[in-house]
Amino acid sequence: MAAAAAWGLASPALAAETRNFDLQTTADLVALCSCPPDRPLYAQALQFCYGYLTGMAHLHRALVREKKIERLACPTHEVARDALAGLFLDWVRDNPGALEAPPAESVRRAAVAAWPCK
């Protein structure tokens, strides 16, 4: 997760705490996705981050397939979990006002910005 490490260089590293797993804000998801490897909750935080992002991607695909929504983001290739996490962290770094927003909204905005549908 090189992008997360790079994100940490530009911003203070956020050590994940158990309260972050409640995902009340984008800041909570950032703390989980950028948790340093030397922290006690690193493995849990990283897997939670990947699971959340993967779940959002699966839900998006299912809703599009069932014609419940239009495609929100249009990547041209399959995106790996770590790449999606890095993209999300980069987007938040560039949009710090989103830290208090719901995490799903920030993930959506990051994906739309990265892969706009033409």
N, C-alpha and C. Protein backbone atom coordinates (compact mmCIF):
# COMPACT_ATOMS: atom_id res chain seq x y z
N MET A 1 0.84 -1.17 0.00
CA MET A 1 0.00 0.00 0.00
C MET A 1 0.88 1.23 0.00
N ALA A 2 1.64 1.39 -1.04
CA ALA A 2 2.61 2.47 -1.16
C ALA A 2 1.94 3.83 -1.12
N ALA A 3 0.77 3.95 -1.74
CA ALA A 3 0.09 5.24 -1.75
C ALA A 3 -0.28 5.67 -0.33
N ALA A 4 -0.68 4.71 0.50
CA ALA A 4 -1.01 5.05 1.88
C ALA A 4 0.23 5.52 2.62
N ALA A 5 1.36 4.88 2.36
CA ALA A 5 2.60 5.31 2.99
C ALA A 5 2.97 6.71 2.53
N ALA A 6 2.81 6.97 1.25
CA ALA A 6 3.10 8.30 0.72
C ALA A 6 2.15 9.32 1.31
N TRP A 7 0.90 8.95 1.50
CA TRP A 7 -0.08 9.85 2.09
C TRP A 7 0.37 10.24 3.48
N GLY A 8 0.90 9.27 4.21
CA GLY A 8 1.36 9.54 5.56
C GLY A 8 2.50 10.54 5.61
N LEU A 9 3.29 10.63 4.55
CA LEU A 9 4.39 11.59 4.52
C LEU A 9 3.86 13.01 4.40
N ALA A 10 2.73 13.17 3.73
CA ALA A 10 2.17 14.50 3.53
C ALA A 10 1.27 14.92 4.68
N SER A 11 0.80 13.97 5.47
CA SER A 11 -0.11 14.23 6.57
C SER A 11 0.33 13.42 7.77
N PRO A 12 -0.07 13.84 8.96
CA PRO A 12 0.30 13.04 10.12
C PRO A 12 -0.32 11.65 10.01
N ALA A 13 0.43 10.62 10.34
CA ALA A 13 -0.10 9.26 10.31
C ALA A 13 -1.18 9.14 11.38
N LEU A 14 -2.23 8.47 11.02
CA LEU A 14 -3.33 8.28 11.95
C LEU A 14 -3.28 6.86 12.49
N ALA A 15 -3.04 6.73 13.76
CA ALA A 15 -3.05 5.41 14.38
C ALA A 15 -4.50 5.01 14.61
N ALA A 16 -4.88 3.88 14.06
CA ALA A 16 -6.26 3.42 14.21
C ALA A 16 -6.57 3.13 15.67
N GLU A 17 -7.77 3.50 16.06
CA GLU A 17 -8.28 3.22 17.39
C GLU A 17 -9.58 2.44 17.21
N THR A 18 -10.00 1.74 18.25
CA THR A 18 -11.20 0.92 18.11
C THR A 18 -12.41 1.75 17.70
N ARG A 19 -12.50 2.99 18.13
CA ARG A 19 -13.66 3.82 17.77
C ARG A 19 -13.73 4.07 16.26
N ASN A 20 -12.59 4.03 15.56
CA ASN A 20 -12.59 4.26 14.12
C ASN A 20 -13.38 3.20 13.37
N PHE A 21 -13.52 2.01 13.95
CA PHE A 21 -14.23 0.93 13.27
C PHE A 21 -15.73 1.19 13.19
N ASP A 22 -16.23 2.19 13.90
CA ASP A 22 -17.65 2.58 13.80
C ASP A 22 -17.92 3.37 12.52
N LEU A 23 -16.88 3.87 11.88
CA LEU A 23 -16.98 4.63 10.61
C LEU A 23 -18.04 5.72 10.64
N GLN A 24 -17.91 6.62 11.58
CA GLN A 24 -18.82 7.76 11.63
C GLN A 24 -18.46 8.83 10.61
N THR A 25 -17.17 8.94 10.29
CA THR A 25 -16.71 9.99 9.38
C THR A 25 -15.66 9.44 8.42
N THR A 26 -15.37 10.22 7.40
CA THR A 26 -14.28 9.88 6.48
C THR A 26 -12.96 9.78 7.24
N ALA A 27 -12.78 10.62 8.26
CA ALA A 27 -11.55 10.56 9.06
C ALA A 27 -11.36 9.18 9.68
N ASP A 28 -12.44 8.53 10.07
CA ASP A 28 -12.34 7.18 10.62
C ASP A 28 -11.80 6.21 9.57
N LEU A 29 -12.33 6.28 8.35
CA LEU A 29 -11.85 5.38 7.30
C LEU A 29 -10.41 5.70 6.93
N VAL A 30 -10.05 6.97 6.93
CA VAL A 30 -8.65 7.35 6.67
C VAL A 30 -7.74 6.74 7.74
N ALA A 31 -8.15 6.81 9.01
CA ALA A 31 -7.33 6.24 10.08
C ALA A 31 -7.12 4.74 9.87
N LEU A 32 -8.16 4.04 9.43
CA LEU A 32 -8.04 2.60 9.21
C LEU A 32 -7.18 2.29 7.99
N CYS A 33 -7.41 3.02 6.91
CA CYS A 33 -6.69 2.75 5.65
C CYS A 33 -5.23 3.20 5.69
N SER A 34 -4.88 4.08 6.61
CA SER A 34 -3.50 4.59 6.68
C SER A 34 -2.79 4.18 7.96
N CYS A 35 -3.34 3.22 8.67
CA CYS A 35 -2.74 2.79 9.93
C CYS A 35 -1.32 2.27 9.69
N PRO A 36 -0.33 2.79 10.43
CA PRO A 36 1.05 2.32 10.26
C PRO A 36 1.21 0.85 10.66
N PRO A 37 2.06 0.13 9.98
CA PRO A 37 2.25 -1.31 10.25
C PRO A 37 2.71 -1.63 11.67
N ASP A 38 3.30 -0.68 12.36
CA ASP A 38 3.78 -0.96 13.72
C ASP A 38 2.71 -0.76 14.79
N ARG A 39 1.50 -0.43 14.41
CA ARG A 39 0.43 -0.20 15.37
C ARG A 39 -0.29 -1.51 15.70
N PRO A 40 -0.79 -1.64 16.93
CA PRO A 40 -1.43 -2.90 17.34
C PRO A 40 -2.63 -3.31 16.48
N LEU A 41 -3.38 -2.37 15.96
CA LEU A 41 -4.58 -2.71 15.18
C LEU A 41 -4.33 -2.71 13.68
N TYR A 42 -3.06 -2.72 13.27
CA TYR A 42 -2.74 -2.62 11.84
C TYR A 42 -3.47 -3.66 10.98
N ALA A 43 -3.34 -4.93 11.30
CA ALA A 43 -3.94 -5.98 10.46
C ALA A 43 -5.46 -5.82 10.39
N GLN A 44 -6.09 -5.59 11.52
CA GLN A 44 -7.54 -5.42 11.54
C GLN A 44 -7.96 -4.18 10.77
N ALA A 45 -7.22 -3.09 10.96
CA ALA A 45 -7.55 -1.83 10.29
C ALA A 45 -7.44 -1.97 8.78
N LEU A 46 -6.35 -2.57 8.32
CA LEU A 46 -6.14 -2.71 6.88
C LEU A 46 -7.21 -3.61 6.25
N GLN A 47 -7.51 -4.73 6.90
CA GLN A 47 -8.52 -5.63 6.35
C GLN A 47 -9.91 -5.00 6.38
N PHE A 48 -10.21 -4.22 7.42
CA PHE A 48 -11.48 -3.52 7.48
C PHE A 48 -11.57 -2.51 6.34
N CYS A 49 -10.49 -1.76 6.14
CA CYS A 49 -10.43 -0.79 5.05
C CYS A 49 -10.70 -1.48 3.71
N TYR A 50 -9.96 -2.54 3.44
CA TYR A 50 -10.13 -3.26 2.17
C TYR A 50 -11.54 -3.83 2.05
N GLY A 51 -12.06 -4.38 3.12
CA GLY A 51 -13.41 -4.94 3.08
C GLY A 51 -14.47 -3.89 2.81
N TYR A 52 -14.33 -2.73 3.44
CA TYR A 52 -15.29 -1.65 3.23
C TYR A 52 -15.27 -1.19 1.78
N LEU A 53 -14.08 -0.93 1.26
CA LEU A 53 -13.95 -0.45 -0.11
C LEU A 53 -14.43 -1.51 -1.11
N THR A 54 -14.09 -2.76 -0.88
CA THR A 54 -14.52 -3.84 -1.77
C THR A 54 -16.04 -4.00 -1.71
N GLY A 55 -16.60 -3.91 -0.53
CA GLY A 55 -18.05 -3.99 -0.38
C GLY A 55 -18.77 -2.88 -1.12
N MET A 56 -18.23 -1.68 -1.05
CA MET A 56 -18.84 -0.57 -1.79
C MET A 56 -18.78 -0.82 -3.29
N ALA A 57 -17.65 -1.34 -3.77
CA ALA A 57 -17.51 -1.63 -5.20
C ALA A 57 -18.49 -2.72 -5.63
N HIS A 58 -18.64 -3.76 -4.82
CA HIS A 58 -19.57 -4.84 -5.15
C HIS A 58 -21.01 -4.34 -5.15
N LEU A 59 -21.36 -3.52 -4.18
CA LEU A 59 -22.72 -2.97 -4.13
C LEU A 59 -22.98 -2.11 -5.36
N HIS A 60 -22.02 -1.28 -5.73
CA HIS A 60 -22.18 -0.43 -6.91
C HIS A 60 -22.44 -1.29 -8.14
N ARG A 61 -21.61 -2.32 -8.33
CA ARG A 61 -21.79 -3.20 -9.50
C ARG A 61 -23.15 -3.88 -9.50
N ALA A 62 -23.58 -4.35 -8.34
CA ALA A 62 -24.87 -5.04 -8.24
C ALA A 62 -26.02 -4.09 -8.56
N LEU A 63 -25.98 -2.88 -8.05
CA LEU A 63 -27.04 -1.91 -8.31
C LEU A 63 -27.07 -1.50 -9.78
N VAL A 64 -25.91 -1.36 -10.39
CA VAL A 64 -25.84 -1.03 -11.82
C VAL A 64 -26.39 -2.20 -12.63
N ARG A 65 -25.98 -3.41 -12.30
CA ARG A 65 -26.43 -4.60 -13.03
C ARG A 65 -27.95 -4.75 -12.96
N GLU A 66 -28.54 -4.43 -11.82
CA GLU A 66 -29.99 -4.52 -11.64
C GLU A 66 -30.72 -3.27 -12.13
N LYS A 67 -29.96 -2.36 -12.73
CA LYS A 67 -30.51 -1.11 -13.27
C LYS A 67 -31.22 -0.27 -12.20
N LYS A 68 -30.69 -0.33 -10.99
CA LYS A 68 -31.21 0.49 -9.89
C LYS A 68 -30.57 1.87 -9.88
N ILE A 69 -29.34 1.95 -10.40
CA ILE A 69 -28.62 3.22 -10.50
C ILE A 69 -27.82 3.23 -11.79
N GLU A 70 -27.44 4.43 -12.22
CA GLU A 70 -26.50 4.57 -13.33
C GLU A 70 -25.09 4.39 -12.76
N ARG A 71 -24.16 4.01 -13.62
CA ARG A 71 -22.77 3.89 -13.17
C ARG A 71 -22.29 5.24 -12.65
N LEU A 72 -21.65 5.22 -11.52
CA LEU A 72 -21.12 6.44 -10.91
C LEU A 72 -19.66 6.66 -11.30
N ALA A 73 -18.93 5.58 -11.44
CA ALA A 73 -17.51 5.64 -11.79
C ALA A 73 -17.26 4.58 -12.86
N CYS A 74 -16.35 4.87 -13.76
CA CYS A 74 -16.12 3.98 -14.90
C CYS A 74 -14.64 3.67 -15.09
N PRO A 75 -14.05 2.89 -14.17
CA PRO A 75 -12.65 2.51 -14.39
C PRO A 75 -12.54 1.64 -15.64
N THR A 76 -11.42 1.73 -16.29
CA THR A 76 -11.21 0.97 -17.53
C THR A 76 -10.60 -0.40 -17.26
N HIS A 77 -10.32 -0.71 -16.00
CA HIS A 77 -9.71 -1.98 -15.63
C HIS A 77 -10.12 -2.33 -14.21
N GLU A 78 -9.91 -3.58 -13.84
CA GLU A 78 -10.17 -4.01 -12.47
C GLU A 78 -9.18 -3.29 -11.55
N VAL A 79 -9.68 -2.75 -10.47
CA VAL A 79 -8.83 -1.98 -9.55
C VAL A 79 -8.56 -2.82 -8.30
N ALA A 80 -7.31 -3.03 -7.98
CA ALA A 80 -6.92 -3.80 -6.80
C ALA A 80 -7.31 -3.04 -5.53
N ARG A 81 -7.54 -3.79 -4.47
CA ARG A 81 -7.94 -3.18 -3.19
C ARG A 81 -6.95 -2.15 -2.70
N ASP A 82 -5.67 -2.46 -2.77
CA ASP A 82 -4.68 -1.51 -2.26
C ASP A 82 -4.62 -0.26 -3.13
N ALA A 83 -4.86 -0.42 -4.43
CA ALA A 83 -4.88 0.74 -5.33
C ALA A 83 -6.09 1.62 -5.02
N LEU A 84 -7.23 1.00 -4.75
CA LEU A 84 -8.43 1.76 -4.41
C LEU A 84 -8.23 2.50 -3.09
N ALA A 85 -7.61 1.84 -2.12
CA ALA A 85 -7.33 2.50 -0.84
C ALA A 85 -6.38 3.68 -1.04
N GLY A 86 -5.35 3.50 -1.85
CA GLY A 86 -4.42 4.58 -2.13
C GLY A 86 -5.09 5.74 -2.83
N LEU A 87 -5.94 5.43 -3.79
CA LEU A 87 -6.68 6.47 -4.50
C LEU A 87 -7.56 7.26 -3.54
N PHE A 88 -8.25 6.56 -2.65
CA PHE A 88 -9.10 7.19 -1.65
C PHE A 88 -8.27 8.11 -0.76
N LEU A 89 -7.15 7.62 -0.24
CA LEU A 89 -6.30 8.44 0.63
C LEU A 89 -5.75 9.65 -0.09
N ASP A 90 -5.36 9.49 -1.34
CA ASP A 90 -4.87 10.63 -2.13
C ASP A 90 -5.98 11.67 -2.30
N TRP A 91 -7.20 11.20 -2.58
CA TRP A 91 -8.32 12.12 -2.78
C TRP A 91 -8.59 12.90 -1.49
N VAL A 92 -8.59 12.21 -0.36
CA VAL A 92 -8.84 12.88 0.92
C VAL A 92 -7.73 13.89 1.22
N ARG A 93 -6.49 13.54 0.91
CA ARG A 93 -5.39 14.48 1.12
C ARG A 93 -5.64 15.77 0.34
N ASP A 94 -6.18 15.62 -0.88
CA ASP A 94 -6.45 16.79 -1.72
C ASP A 94 -7.78 17.46 -1.38
N ASN A 95 -8.60 16.82 -0.57
CA ASN A 95 -9.93 17.34 -0.21
C ASN A 95 -10.14 17.21 1.30
N PRO A 96 -9.33 17.88 2.11
CA PRO A 96 -9.40 17.70 3.56
C PRO A 96 -10.74 18.13 4.17
N GLY A 97 -11.49 18.94 3.47
CA GLY A 97 -12.81 19.33 3.97
C GLY A 97 -13.77 18.16 4.06
N ALA A 98 -13.43 17.04 3.44
CA ALA A 98 -14.30 15.87 3.44
C ALA A 98 -14.11 14.99 4.68
N LEU A 99 -13.17 15.31 5.54
CA LEU A 99 -12.87 14.44 6.68
C LEU A 99 -14.07 14.20 7.60
N GLU A 100 -14.97 15.14 7.69
CA GLU A 100 -16.15 14.96 8.55
C GLU A 100 -17.35 14.41 7.80
N ALA A 101 -17.22 14.20 6.49
CA ALA A 101 -18.32 13.66 5.68
C ALA A 101 -18.48 12.16 5.95
N PRO A 102 -19.65 11.62 5.61
CA PRO A 102 -19.81 10.16 5.70
C PRO A 102 -18.79 9.47 4.81
N PRO A 103 -18.19 8.38 5.28
CA PRO A 103 -17.15 7.72 4.49
C PRO A 103 -17.62 7.24 3.12
N ALA A 104 -18.83 6.75 3.02
CA ALA A 104 -19.33 6.26 1.72
C ALA A 104 -19.38 7.40 0.71
N GLU A 105 -19.75 8.58 1.15
CA GLU A 105 -19.81 9.74 0.25
C GLU A 105 -18.41 10.09 -0.26
N SER A 106 -17.43 10.05 0.61
CA SER A 106 -16.06 10.38 0.19
C SER A 106 -15.49 9.32 -0.75
N VAL A 107 -15.78 8.06 -0.49
CA VAL A 107 -15.33 7.00 -1.41
C VAL A 107 -15.97 7.21 -2.77
N ARG A 108 -17.26 7.52 -2.79
CA ARG A 108 -17.96 7.77 -4.06
C ARG A 108 -17.32 8.94 -4.79
N ARG A 109 -17.09 10.03 -4.09
CA ARG A 109 -16.51 11.22 -4.72
C ARG A 109 -15.11 10.94 -5.25
N ALA A 110 -14.32 10.16 -4.51
CA ALA A 110 -12.97 9.82 -4.97
C ALA A 110 -13.03 8.98 -6.24
N ALA A 111 -13.93 8.01 -6.28
CA ALA A 111 -14.05 7.14 -7.46
C ALA A 111 -14.55 7.93 -8.67
N VAL A 112 -15.53 8.79 -8.47
CA VAL A 112 -16.06 9.61 -9.57
C VAL A 112 -14.97 10.53 -10.12
N ALA A 113 -14.18 11.11 -9.23
CA ALA A 113 -13.09 11.99 -9.67
C ALA A 113 -12.03 11.22 -10.45
N ALA A 114 -11.74 10.01 -10.02
CA ALA A 114 -10.69 9.22 -10.67
C ALA A 114 -11.14 8.61 -11.99
N TRP A 115 -12.40 8.18 -12.04
CA TRP A 115 -12.89 7.46 -13.22
C TRP A 115 -14.24 8.00 -13.67
N PRO A 116 -14.28 9.23 -14.16
CA PRO A 116 -15.56 9.79 -14.59
C PRO A 116 -16.13 8.98 -15.76
N CYS A 117 -17.43 8.84 -15.78
CA CYS A 117 -18.10 8.18 -16.90
C CYS A 117 -18.34 9.23 -17.97
N LYS A 118 -17.98 8.91 -19.19
CA LYS A 118 -18.11 9.87 -20.29
C LYS A 118 -19.49 9.77 -20.90
